[in-house]
């Protein structure tokens, strides 16, 4: 029984396709981690989360201390300046708020028309 060249090519192609399918099957099913591995990954994730929290907390505390120090220094070094800034903010803030609300209403009106 002699196989023609085309039959040999088809057979080689089928063999190659079967190998490719096997490789795809192996790639498609990742290894299932054991309970020990899952526990280790969970501990690593918790540790990373704890470190990130501690870093953010330390940055927050440092920023708060810097702001408090600046505020206290400004209060004791120039109390009149502090009072002027507070009063002007108390007067100017509602005016700015009114202007922004007015502009926002105009923009919404122009969008609707």
PDB file of N, CA and C in Angstrom:
ATOM      1  N   UNK A   1       0.838  -1.158   0.000  1.00  0.00           N
ATOM      2  CA  UNK A   1       0.000   0.000   0.000  1.00  0.00           C
ATOM      3  C   UNK A   1       0.891   1.231   0.000  1.00  0.00           C
ATOM      4  N   UNK A   2       0.803   1.997  -1.017  1.00  0.00           N
ATOM      5  CA  UNK A   2       1.616   3.194  -1.113  1.00  0.00           C
ATOM      6  C   UNK A   2       0.726   4.412  -0.906  1.00  0.00           C
ATOM      7  N   UNK A   3       1.275   5.307  -0.123  1.00  0.00           N
ATOM      8  CA  UNK A   3       0.541   6.547   0.140  1.00  0.00           C
ATOM      9  C   UNK A   3       1.026   7.603  -0.831  1.00  0.00           C
ATOM     10  N   UNK A   4       0.087   8.332  -1.334  1.00  0.00           N
ATOM     11  CA  UNK A   4       0.468   9.394  -2.251  1.00  0.00           C
ATOM     12  C   UNK A   4       1.068  10.552  -1.453  1.00  0.00           C
ATOM     13  N   UNK A   5       1.694  11.459  -2.155  1.00  0.00           N
ATOM     14  CA  UNK A   5       2.302  12.623  -1.499  1.00  0.00           C
ATOM     15  C   UNK A   5       1.248  13.441  -0.761  1.00  0.00           C
ATOM     16  N   UNK A   6       0.092  13.559  -1.366  1.00  0.00           N
ATOM     17  CA  UNK A   6      -0.975  14.353  -0.745  1.00  0.00           C
ATOM     18  C   UNK A   6      -1.456  13.683   0.544  1.00  0.00           C
ATOM     19  N   UNK A   7      -1.562  12.357   0.541  1.00  0.00           N
ATOM     20  CA  UNK A   7      -1.971  11.641   1.753  1.00  0.00           C
ATOM     21  C   UNK A   7      -0.951  11.844   2.864  1.00  0.00           C
ATOM     22  N   UNK A   8       0.326  11.825   2.506  1.00  0.00           N
ATOM     23  CA  UNK A   8       1.364  12.044   3.514  1.00  0.00           C
ATOM     24  C   UNK A   8       1.275  13.458   4.081  1.00  0.00           C
ATOM     25  N   UNK A   9       1.040  14.419   3.210  1.00  0.00           N
ATOM     26  CA  UNK A   9       0.914  15.806   3.656  1.00  0.00           C
ATOM     27  C   UNK A   9      -0.283  15.961   4.583  1.00  0.00           C
ATOM     28  N   UNK A  10      -1.382  15.326   4.229  1.00  0.00           N
ATOM     29  CA  UNK A  10      -2.580  15.403   5.067  1.00  0.00           C
ATOM     30  C   UNK A  10      -2.323  14.752   6.428  1.00  0.00           C
ATOM     31  N   UNK A  11      -1.634  13.611   6.396  1.00  0.00           N
ATOM     32  CA  UNK A  11      -1.328  12.923   7.646  1.00  0.00           C
ATOM     33  C   UNK A  11      -0.417  13.781   8.524  1.00  0.00           C
ATOM     34  N   UNK A  12       0.598  14.410   7.935  1.00  0.00           N
ATOM     35  CA  UNK A  12       1.488  15.294   8.679  1.00  0.00           C
ATOM     36  C   UNK A  12       0.720  16.491   9.243  1.00  0.00           C
ATOM     37  N   UNK A  13      -0.178  17.019   8.426  1.00  0.00           N
ATOM     38  CA  UNK A  13      -0.987  18.154   8.863  1.00  0.00           C
ATOM     39  C   UNK A  13      -1.877  17.753  10.039  1.00  0.00           C
ATOM     40  N   UNK A  14      -2.494  16.590   9.981  1.00  0.00           N
ATOM     41  CA  UNK A  14      -3.327  16.108  11.074  1.00  0.00           C
ATOM     42  C   UNK A  14      -2.509  15.909  12.350  1.00  0.00           C
ATOM     43  N   UNK A  15      -1.325  15.355  12.212  1.00  0.00           N
ATOM     44  CA  UNK A  15      -0.451  15.143  13.368  1.00  0.00           C
ATOM     45  C   UNK A  15      -0.076  16.483  13.993  1.00  0.00           C
ATOM     46  N   UNK A  16       0.273  17.424  13.150  1.00  0.00           N
ATOM     47  CA  UNK A  16       0.642  18.749  13.637  1.00  0.00           C
ATOM     48  C   UNK A  16      -0.538  19.425  14.324  1.00  0.00           C
ATOM     49  N   UNK A  17      -1.727  19.305  13.748  1.00  0.00           N
ATOM     50  CA  UNK A  17      -2.920  19.893  14.350  1.00  0.00           C
ATOM     51  C   UNK A  17      -3.220  19.263  15.710  1.00  0.00           C
ATOM     52  N   UNK A  18      -3.034  17.942  15.814  1.00  0.00           N
ATOM     53  CA  UNK A  18      -3.273  17.272  17.092  1.00  0.00           C
ATOM     54  C   UNK A  18      -2.296  17.781  18.160  1.00  0.00           C
ATOM     55  N   UNK A  19      -1.033  17.958  17.781  1.00  0.00           N
ATOM     56  CA  UNK A  19      -0.052  18.497  18.727  1.00  0.00           C
ATOM     57  C   UNK A  19      -0.446  19.912  19.164  1.00  0.00           C
ATOM     58  N   UNK A  20      -0.866  20.736  18.198  1.00  0.00           N
ATOM     59  CA  UNK A  20      -1.282  22.097  18.509  1.00  0.00           C
ATOM     60  C   UNK A  20      -2.480  22.105  19.456  1.00  0.00           C
ATOM     61  N   UNK A  21      -3.448  21.218  19.210  1.00  0.00           N
ATOM     62  CA  UNK A  21      -4.621  21.139  20.087  1.00  0.00           C
ATOM     63  C   UNK A  21      -4.220  20.725  21.498  1.00  0.00           C
ATOM     64  N   UNK A  22      -3.287  19.797  21.592  1.00  0.00           N
ATOM     65  CA  UNK A  22      -2.818  19.375  22.918  1.00  0.00           C
ATOM     66  C   UNK A  22      -2.155  20.544  23.653  1.00  0.00           C
ATOM     67  N   UNK A  23      -1.343  21.308  22.928  1.00  0.00           N
ATOM     68  CA  UNK A  23      -0.700  22.466  23.547  1.00  0.00           C
ATOM     69  C   UNK A  23      -1.740  23.484  24.002  1.00  0.00           C
ATOM     70  N   UNK A  24      -2.764  23.706  23.177  1.00  0.00           N
ATOM     71  CA  UNK A  24      -3.827  24.634  23.555  1.00  0.00           C
ATOM     72  C   UNK A  24      -4.582  24.140  24.787  1.00  0.00           C
ATOM     73  N   UNK A  25      -4.843  22.854  24.842  1.00  0.00           N
ATOM     74  CA  UNK A  25      -5.520  22.288  26.015  1.00  0.00           C
ATOM     75  C   UNK A  25      -4.691  22.478  27.275  1.00  0.00           C
ATOM     76  N   UNK A  26      -3.379  22.285  27.159  1.00  0.00           N
ATOM     77  CA  UNK A  26      -2.503  22.461  28.318  1.00  0.00           C
ATOM     78  C   UNK A  26      -2.483  23.918  28.768  1.00  0.00           C
ATOM     79  N   UNK A  27      -2.498  24.842  27.815  1.00  0.00           N
ATOM     80  CA  UNK A  27      -2.513  26.263  28.154  1.00  0.00           C
ATOM     81  C   UNK A  27      -3.852  26.677  28.752  1.00  0.00           C
ATOM     82  N   UNK A  28      -4.920  26.082  28.286  1.00  0.00           N
ATOM     83  CA  UNK A  28      -6.262  26.462  28.705  1.00  0.00           C
ATOM     84  C   UNK A  28      -6.604  26.052  30.118  1.00  0.00           C
ATOM     85  N   UNK A  29      -5.939  25.068  30.663  1.00  0.00           N
ATOM     86  CA  UNK A  29      -6.272  24.629  32.019  1.00  0.00           C
ATOM     87  C   UNK A  29      -5.102  24.934  32.955  1.00  0.00           C
ATOM     88  N   UNK A  30      -5.185  26.095  33.625  1.00  0.00           N
ATOM     89  CA  UNK A  30      -4.099  26.455  34.537  1.00  0.00           C
ATOM     90  C   UNK A  30      -4.099  25.519  35.741  1.00  0.00           C
ATOM     91  N   UNK A  31      -2.944  25.336  36.336  1.00  0.00           N
ATOM     92  CA  UNK A  31      -2.886  24.460  37.506  1.00  0.00           C
ATOM     93  C   UNK A  31      -3.682  25.062  38.668  1.00  0.00           C
ATOM     94  N   UNK A  32      -4.426  24.230  39.348  1.00  0.00           N
ATOM     95  CA  UNK A  32      -5.235  24.683  40.478  1.00  0.00           C
ATOM     96  C   UNK A  32      -4.328  24.778  41.701  1.00  0.00           C
ATOM     97  N   UNK A  33      -4.280  25.959  42.328  1.00  0.00           N
ATOM     98  CA  UNK A  33      -3.386  26.112  43.488  1.00  0.00           C
ATOM     99  C   UNK A  33      -3.895  25.304  44.685  1.00  0.00           C
ATOM    100  N   UNK A  34      -2.969  24.848  45.476  1.00  0.00           N
ATOM    101  CA  UNK A  34      -3.326  24.094  46.670  1.00  0.00           C
ATOM    102  C   UNK A  34      -3.786  25.064  47.761  1.00  0.00           C
ATOM    103  N   UNK A  35      -4.323  24.506  48.832  1.00  0.00           N
ATOM    104  CA  UNK A  35      -4.786  25.340  49.940  1.00  0.00           C
ATOM    105  C   UNK A  35      -3.613  26.108  50.546  1.00  0.00           C
ATOM    106  N   UNK A  36      -2.450  25.459  50.609  1.00  0.00           N
ATOM    107  CA  UNK A  36      -1.243  26.108  51.150  1.00  0.00           C
ATOM    108  C   UNK A  36      -0.861  27.315  50.295  1.00  0.00           C
ATOM    109  N   UNK A  37      -0.884  27.146  48.960  1.00  0.00           N
ATOM    110  CA  UNK A  37      -0.533  28.248  48.063  1.00  0.00           C
ATOM    111  C   UNK A  37      -1.541  29.388  48.178  1.00  0.00           C
ATOM    112  N   UNK A  38      -2.816  29.034  48.286  1.00  0.00           N
ATOM    113  CA  UNK A  38      -3.849  30.068  48.427  1.00  0.00           C
ATOM    114  C   UNK A  38      -3.645  30.847  49.731  1.00  0.00           C
ATOM    115  N   UNK A  39      -3.303  30.130  50.795  1.00  0.00           N
ATOM    116  CA  UNK A  39      -3.063  30.771  52.088  1.00  0.00           C
ATOM    117  C   UNK A  39      -1.875  31.733  52.002  1.00  0.00           C
ATOM    118  N   UNK A  40      -0.815  31.312  51.317  1.00  0.00           N
ATOM    119  CA  UNK A  40       0.365  32.166  51.153  1.00  0.00           C
ATOM    120  C   UNK A  40       0.024  33.419  50.355  1.00  0.00           C
ATOM    121  N   UNK A  41      -0.748  33.243  49.276  1.00  0.00           N
ATOM    122  CA  UNK A  41      -1.131  34.393  48.457  1.00  0.00           C
ATOM    123  C   UNK A  41      -2.007  35.354  49.259  1.00  0.00           C
ATOM    124  N   UNK A  42      -2.894  34.800  50.077  1.00  0.00           N
ATOM    125  CA  UNK A  42      -3.754  35.633  50.907  1.00  0.00           C
ATOM    126  C   UNK A  42      -2.928  36.418  51.925  1.00  0.00           C
ATOM    127  N   UNK A  43      -1.944  35.762  52.529  1.00  0.00           N
ATOM    128  CA  UNK A  43      -1.079  36.445  53.496  1.00  0.00           C
ATOM    129  C   UNK A  43      -0.273  37.558  52.823  1.00  0.00           C
ATOM    130  N   UNK A  44       0.231  37.286  51.608  1.00  0.00           N
ATOM    131  CA  UNK A  44       0.987  38.304  50.875  1.00  0.00           C
ATOM    132  C   UNK A  44       0.103  39.507  50.545  1.00  0.00           C
ATOM    133  N   UNK A  45      -1.133  39.226  50.123  1.00  0.00           N
ATOM    134  CA  UNK A  45      -2.052  40.316  49.787  1.00  0.00           C
ATOM    135  C   UNK A  45      -2.378  41.143  51.030  1.00  0.00           C
ATOM    136  N   UNK A  46      -2.620  40.467  52.153  1.00  0.00           N
ATOM    137  CA  UNK A  46      -2.904  41.191  53.398  1.00  0.00           C
ATOM    138  C   UNK A  46      -1.713  42.042  53.811  1.00  0.00           C
ATOM    139  N   UNK A  47      -0.523  41.489  53.683  1.00  0.00           N
ATOM    140  CA  UNK A  47       0.688  42.213  54.051  1.00  0.00           C
ATOM    141  C   UNK A  47       0.864  43.451  53.174  1.00  0.00           C
ATOM    142  N   UNK A  48       0.651  43.293  51.879  1.00  0.00           N
ATOM    143  CA  UNK A  48       0.786  44.433  50.960  1.00  0.00           C
ATOM    144  C   UNK A  48      -0.255  45.498  51.276  1.00  0.00           C
ATOM    145  N   UNK A  49      -1.480  45.069  51.589  1.00  0.00           N
ATOM    146  CA  UNK A  49      -2.536  46.019  51.918  1.00  0.00           C
ATOM    147  C   UNK A  49      -2.202  46.762  53.215  1.00  0.00           C
ATOM    148  N   UNK A  50      -1.677  46.052  54.200  1.00  0.00           N
ATOM    149  CA  UNK A  50      -1.308  46.662  55.477  1.00  0.00           C
ATOM    150  C   UNK A  50      -0.194  47.689  55.268  1.00  0.00           C
ATOM    151  N   UNK A  51       0.813  47.335  54.446  1.00  0.00           N
ATOM    152  CA  UNK A  51       1.908  48.271  54.186  1.00  0.00           C
ATOM    153  C   UNK A  51       1.404  49.527  53.483  1.00  0.00           C
ATOM    154  N   UNK A  52       0.495  49.343  52.512  1.00  0.00           N
ATOM    155  CA  UNK A  52      -0.049  50.497  51.793  1.00  0.00           C
ATOM    156  C   UNK A  52      -0.838  51.391  52.742  1.00  0.00           C
ATOM    157  N   UNK A  53      -1.619  50.772  53.638  1.00  0.00           N
ATOM    158  CA  UNK A  53      -2.387  51.553  54.610  1.00  0.00           C
ATOM    159  C   UNK A  53      -1.468  52.343  55.536  1.00  0.00           C
ATOM    160  N   UNK A  54      -0.411  51.681  56.023  1.00  0.00           N
ATOM    161  CA  UNK A  54       0.524  52.359  56.915  1.00  0.00           C
ATOM    162  C   UNK A  54       1.214  53.523  56.213  1.00  0.00           C
ATOM    163  N   UNK A  55       1.546  53.330  54.945  1.00  0.00           N
ATOM    164  CA  UNK A  55       2.195  54.401  54.180  1.00  0.00           C
ATOM    165  C   UNK A  55       1.241  55.588  54.024  1.00  0.00           C
ATOM    166  N   UNK A  56      -0.010  55.299  53.635  1.00  0.00           N
ATOM    167  CA  UNK A  56      -0.985  56.376  53.470  1.00  0.00           C
ATOM    168  C   UNK A  56      -1.255  57.082  54.791  1.00  0.00           C
ATOM    169  N   UNK A  57      -1.347  56.319  55.867  1.00  0.00           N
ATOM    170  CA  UNK A  57      -1.597  56.915  57.179  1.00  0.00           C
ATOM    171  C   UNK A  57      -0.444  57.816  57.601  1.00  0.00           C
ATOM    172  N   UNK A  58       0.782  57.368  57.370  1.00  0.00           N
ATOM    173  CA  UNK A  58       1.931  58.189  57.751  1.00  0.00           C
ATOM    174  C   UNK A  58       1.980  59.474  56.922  1.00  0.00           C
ATOM    175  N   UNK A  59       1.676  59.390  55.645  1.00  0.00           N
ATOM    176  CA  UNK A  59       1.645  60.593  54.798  1.00  0.00           C
ATOM    177  C   UNK A  59       0.562  61.549  55.289  1.00  0.00           C
ATOM    178  N   UNK A  60      -0.594  60.992  55.646  1.00  0.00           N
ATOM    179  CA  UNK A  60      -1.690  61.823  56.158  1.00  0.00           C
ATOM    180  C   UNK A  60      -1.290  62.535  57.451  1.00  0.00           C
ATOM    181  N   UNK A  61      -0.696  61.802  58.378  1.00  0.00           N
ATOM    182  CA  UNK A  61      -0.308  62.382  59.671  1.00  0.00           C
ATOM    183  C   UNK A  61       0.747  63.461  59.469  1.00  0.00           C
ATOM    184  N   UNK A  62       1.732  63.201  58.625  1.00  0.00           N
ATOM    185  CA  UNK A  62       2.780  64.194  58.370  1.00  0.00           C
ATOM    186  C   UNK A  62       2.179  65.456  57.749  1.00  0.00           C
ATOM    187  N   UNK A  63       1.286  65.275  56.764  1.00  0.00           N
ATOM    188  CA  UNK A  63       0.638  66.424  56.127  1.00  0.00           C
ATOM    189  C   UNK A  63      -0.181  67.208  57.146  1.00  0.00           C
ATOM    190  N   UNK A  64      -0.920  66.494  57.992  1.00  0.00           N
ATOM    191  CA  UNK A  64      -1.728  67.172  59.012  1.00  0.00           C
ATOM    192  C   UNK A  64      -0.841  67.957  59.977  1.00  0.00           C
ATOM    193  N   UNK A  65       0.270  67.379  60.385  1.00  0.00           N
ATOM    194  CA  UNK A  65       1.178  68.077  61.292  1.00  0.00           C
ATOM    195  C   UNK A  65       1.778  69.322  60.646  1.00  0.00           C
ATOM    196  N   UNK A  66       2.147  69.217  59.377  1.00  0.00           N
ATOM    197  CA  UNK A  66       2.701  70.373  58.667  1.00  0.00           C
ATOM    198  C   UNK A  66       1.657  71.482  58.585  1.00  0.00           C
ATOM    199  N   UNK A  67       0.426  71.116  58.229  1.00  0.00           N
ATOM    200  CA  UNK A  67      -0.632  72.129  58.138  1.00  0.00           C
ATOM    201  C   UNK A  67      -0.939  72.738  59.502  1.00  0.00           C
ATOM    202  N   UNK A  68      -0.995  71.916  60.526  1.00  0.00           N
ATOM    203  CA  UNK A  68      -1.257  72.418  61.872  1.00  0.00           C
ATOM    204  C   UNK A  68      -0.146  73.352  62.339  1.00  0.00           C
ATOM    205  N   UNK A  69       1.087  72.983  62.034  1.00  0.00           N
ATOM    206  CA  UNK A  69       2.223  73.828  62.399  1.00  0.00           C
ATOM    207  C   UNK A  69       2.149  75.174  61.683  1.00  0.00           C
ATOM    208  N   UNK A  70       1.852  75.131  60.381  1.00  0.00           N
ATOM    209  CA  UNK A  70       1.744  76.377  59.611  1.00  0.00           C
ATOM    210  C   UNK A  70       0.603  77.235  60.145  1.00  0.00           C
ATOM    211  N   UNK A  71      -0.517  76.605  60.448  1.00  0.00           N
ATOM    212  CA  UNK A  71      -1.671  77.326  60.980  1.00  0.00           C
ATOM    213  C   UNK A  71      -1.340  77.967  62.329  1.00  0.00           C
ATOM    214  N   UNK A  72      -0.728  77.195  63.206  1.00  0.00           N
ATOM    215  CA  UNK A  72      -0.380  77.708  64.535  1.00  0.00           C
ATOM    216  C   UNK A  72       0.626  78.848  64.433  1.00  0.00           C
ATOM    217  N   UNK A  73       1.610  78.683  63.585  1.00  0.00           N
ATOM    218  CA  UNK A  73       2.611  79.740  63.397  1.00  0.00           C
ATOM    219  C   UNK A  73       1.957  81.008  62.876  1.00  0.00           C
ATOM    220  N   UNK A  74       1.088  80.860  61.895  1.00  0.00           N
ATOM    221  CA  UNK A  74       0.414  82.036  61.338  1.00  0.00           C
ATOM    222  C   UNK A  74      -0.474  82.691  62.381  1.00  0.00           C
ATOM    223  N   UNK A  75      -1.100  81.881  63.206  1.00  0.00           N
ATOM    224  CA  UNK A  75      -2.014  82.405  64.216  1.00  0.00           C
ATOM    225  C   UNK A  75      -1.268  83.220  65.267  1.00  0.00           C
ATOM    226  N   UNK A  76      -0.127  82.713  65.721  1.00  0.00           N
ATOM    227  CA  UNK A  76       0.598  83.415  66.789  1.00  0.00           C
ATOM    228  C   UNK A  76       1.526  84.502  66.269  1.00  0.00           C
ATOM    229  N   UNK A  77       2.014  84.351  65.052  1.00  0.00           N
ATOM    230  CA  UNK A  77       2.939  85.343  64.516  1.00  0.00           C
ATOM    231  C   UNK A  77       2.196  86.562  63.972  1.00  0.00           C
ATOM    232  N   UNK A  78       1.054  86.296  63.345  1.00  0.00           N
ATOM    233  CA  UNK A  78       0.325  87.411  62.751  1.00  0.00           C
ATOM    234  C   UNK A  78      -1.180  87.211  62.967  1.00  0.00           C
ATOM    235  N   UNK A  79      -1.647  87.389  64.187  1.00  0.00           N
ATOM    236  CA  UNK A  79      -3.070  87.146  64.454  1.00  0.00           C
ATOM    237  C   UNK A  79      -3.991  88.098  63.684  1.00  0.00           C
ATOM    238  N   UNK A  80      -3.546  89.335  63.462  1.00  0.00           N
ATOM    239  CA  UNK A  80      -4.389  90.273  62.721  1.00  0.00           C
ATOM    240  C   UNK A  80      -4.546  89.819  61.270  1.00  0.00           C
ATOM    241  N   UNK A  81      -3.457  89.343  60.669  1.00  0.00           N
ATOM    242  CA  UNK A  81      -3.516  88.834  59.298  1.00  0.00           C
ATOM    243  C   UNK A  81      -4.459  87.635  59.228  1.00  0.00           C
ATOM    244  N   UNK A  82      -4.394  86.777  60.222  1.00  0.00           N
ATOM    245  CA  UNK A  82      -5.262  85.608  60.259  1.00  0.00           C
ATOM    246  C   UNK A  82      -6.730  86.027  60.320  1.00  0.00           C
ATOM    247  N   UNK A  83      -7.028  86.999  61.164  1.00  0.00           N
ATOM    248  CA  UNK A  83      -8.408  87.467  61.297  1.00  0.00           C
ATOM    249  C   UNK A  83      -8.895  88.100  60.001  1.00  0.00           C
ATOM    250  N   UNK A  84      -8.043  88.872  59.341  1.00  0.00           N
ATOM    251  CA  UNK A  84      -8.411  89.496  58.063  1.00  0.00           C
ATOM    252  C   UNK A  84      -8.702  88.434  57.014  1.00  0.00           C
ATOM    253  N   UNK A  85      -7.868  87.411  56.952  1.00  0.00           N
ATOM    254  CA  UNK A  85      -8.077  86.334  55.978  1.00  0.00           C
ATOM    255  C   UNK A  85      -9.394  85.610  56.263  1.00  0.00           C
ATOM    256  N   UNK A  86      -9.678  85.321  57.510  1.00  0.00           N
ATOM    257  CA  UNK A  86     -10.913  84.624  57.873  1.00  0.00           C
ATOM    258  C   UNK A  86     -12.149  85.456  57.528  1.00  0.00           C
ATOM    259  N   UNK A  87     -12.121  86.747  57.868  1.00  0.00           N
ATOM    260  CA  UNK A  87     -13.276  87.615  57.593  1.00  0.00           C
ATOM    261  C   UNK A  87     -13.481  87.771  56.088  1.00  0.00           C
ATOM    262  N   UNK A  88     -12.381  87.996  55.355  1.00  0.00           N
ATOM    263  CA  UNK A  88     -12.530  88.158  53.901  1.00  0.00           C
ATOM    264  C   UNK A  88     -13.031  86.869  53.255  1.00  0.00           C
ATOM    265  N   UNK A  89     -12.582  85.719  53.735  1.00  0.00           N
ATOM    266  CA  UNK A  89     -13.077  84.450  53.208  1.00  0.00           C
ATOM    267  C   UNK A  89     -14.560  84.286  53.523  1.00  0.00           C
ATOM    268  N   UNK A  90     -14.964  84.726  54.713  1.00  0.00           N
ATOM    269  CA  UNK A  90     -16.359  84.620  55.123  1.00  0.00           C
ATOM    270  C   UNK A  90     -17.254  85.506  54.255  1.00  0.00           C
ATOM    271  N   UNK A  91     -16.739  86.649  53.807  1.00  0.00           N
ATOM    272  CA  UNK A  91     -17.510  87.577  52.983  1.00  0.00           C
ATOM    273  C   UNK A  91     -17.440  87.189  51.512  1.00  0.00           C
ATOM    274  N   UNK A  92     -16.254  86.821  51.026  1.00  0.00           N
ATOM    275  CA  UNK A  92     -16.052  86.575  49.600  1.00  0.00           C
ATOM    276  C   UNK A  92     -16.606  85.204  49.164  1.00  0.00           C
ATOM    277  N   UNK A  93     -16.566  84.215  50.033  1.00  0.00           N
ATOM    278  CA  UNK A  93     -17.005  82.864  49.667  1.00  0.00           C
ATOM    279  C   UNK A  93     -18.449  82.831  49.169  1.00  0.00           C
ATOM    280  N   UNK A  94     -19.425  83.460  49.850  1.00  0.00           N
ATOM    281  CA  UNK A  94     -20.802  83.426  49.324  1.00  0.00           C
ATOM    282  C   UNK A  94     -20.938  84.133  47.974  1.00  0.00           C
ATOM    283  N   UNK A  95     -20.177  85.202  47.778  1.00  0.00           N
ATOM    284  CA  UNK A  95     -20.234  85.918  46.493  1.00  0.00           C
ATOM    285  C   UNK A  95     -19.739  85.009  45.373  1.00  0.00           C
ATOM    286  N   UNK A  96     -18.612  84.342  45.603  1.00  0.00           N
ATOM    287  CA  UNK A  96     -18.072  83.417  44.586  1.00  0.00           C
ATOM    288  C   UNK A  96     -19.051  82.283  44.339  1.00  0.00           C
ATOM    289  N   UNK A  97     -19.650  81.766  45.402  1.00  0.00           N
ATOM    290  CA  UNK A  97     -20.626  80.689  45.264  1.00  0.00           C
ATOM    291  C   UNK A  97     -21.810  81.138  44.409  1.00  0.00           C
ATOM    292  N   UNK A  98     -22.318  82.348  44.664  1.00  0.00           N
ATOM    293  CA  UNK A  98     -23.436  82.881  43.888  1.00  0.00           C
ATOM    294  C   UNK A  98     -23.072  83.018  42.415  1.00  0.00           C
ATOM    295  N   UNK A  99     -21.887  83.536  42.126  1.00  0.00           N
ATOM    296  CA  UNK A  99     -21.449  83.724  40.736  1.00  0.00           C
ATOM    297  C   UNK A  99     -21.320  82.367  40.032  1.00  0.00           C
ATOM    298  N   UNK A 100     -20.749  81.390  40.714  1.00  0.00           N
ATOM    299  CA  UNK A 100     -20.606  80.066  40.110  1.00  0.00           C
ATOM    300  C   UNK A 100     -21.957  79.420  39.843  1.00  0.00           C
ATOM    301  N   UNK A 101     -22.900  79.577  40.767  1.00  0.00           N
ATOM    302  CA  UNK A 101     -24.246  79.017  40.564  1.00  0.00           C
ATOM    303  C   UNK A 101     -24.938  79.691  39.386  1.00  0.00           C
ATOM    304  N   UNK A 102     -24.743  80.995  39.272  1.00  0.00           N
ATOM    305  CA  UNK A 102     -25.341  81.762  38.182  1.00  0.00           C
ATOM    306  C   UNK A 102     -24.780  81.284  36.836  1.00  0.00           C
ATOM    307  N   UNK A 103     -23.453  81.110  36.760  1.00  0.00           N
ATOM    308  CA  UNK A 103     -22.823  80.634  35.528  1.00  0.00           C
ATOM    309  C   UNK A 103     -23.278  79.215  35.195  1.00  0.00           C
ATOM    310  N   UNK A 104     -23.417  78.390  36.221  1.00  0.00           N
ATOM    311  CA  UNK A 104     -23.861  77.005  36.005  1.00  0.00           C
ATOM    312  C   UNK A 104     -25.288  76.987  35.454  1.00  0.00           C
ATOM    313  N   UNK A 105     -26.154  77.840  35.987  1.00  0.00           N
ATOM    314  CA  UNK A 105     -27.537  77.915  35.504  1.00  0.00           C
ATOM    315  C   UNK A 105     -27.577  78.376  34.056  1.00  0.00           C
ATOM    316  N   UNK A 106     -26.708  79.338  33.703  1.00  0.00           N
ATOM    317  CA  UNK A 106     -26.654  79.812  32.310  1.00  0.00           C
ATOM    318  C   UNK A 106     -26.223  78.686  31.374  1.00  0.00           C
ATOM    319  N   UNK A 107     -25.202  77.930  31.781  1.00  0.00           N
ATOM    320  CA  UNK A 107     -24.702  76.836  30.947  1.00  0.00           C
ATOM    321  C   UNK A 107     -25.763  75.758  30.771  1.00  0.00           C
ATOM    322  N   UNK A 108     -26.472  75.418  31.840  1.00  0.00           N
ATOM    323  CA  UNK A 108     -27.520  74.417  31.719  1.00  0.00           C
ATOM    324  C   UNK A 108     -28.642  74.912  30.844  1.00  0.00           C
ATOM    325  N   UNK A 109     -28.974  76.204  30.911  1.00  0.00           N
ATOM    326  CA  UNK A 109     -30.006  76.771  30.068  1.00  0.00           C
ATOM    327  C   UNK A 109     -29.612  76.757  28.607  1.00  0.00           C
ATOM    328  N   UNK A 110     -28.338  77.016  28.320  1.00  0.00           N
ATOM    329  CA  UNK A 110     -27.895  77.010  26.928  1.00  0.00           C
ATOM    330  C   UNK A 110     -27.829  75.601  26.377  1.00  0.00           C
ATOM    331  N   UNK A 111     -27.597  74.616  27.228  1.00  0.00           N
ATOM    332  CA  UNK A 111     -27.565  73.237  26.766  1.00  0.00           C
ATOM    333  C   UNK A 111     -28.967  72.766  26.410  1.00  0.00           C
ATOM    334  N   UNK A 112     -29.958  73.180  27.190  1.00  0.00           N
ATOM    335  CA  UNK A 112     -31.334  72.747  26.963  1.00  0.00           C
ATOM    336  C   UNK A 112     -31.928  73.397  25.731  1.00  0.00           C
ATOM    337  N   UNK A 113     -31.537  74.617  25.389  1.00  0.00           N
ATOM    338  CA  UNK A 113     -32.139  75.292  24.247  1.00  0.00           C
ATOM    339  C   UNK A 113     -31.440  74.982  22.958  1.00  0.00           C
TER     340      UNK A 113
END
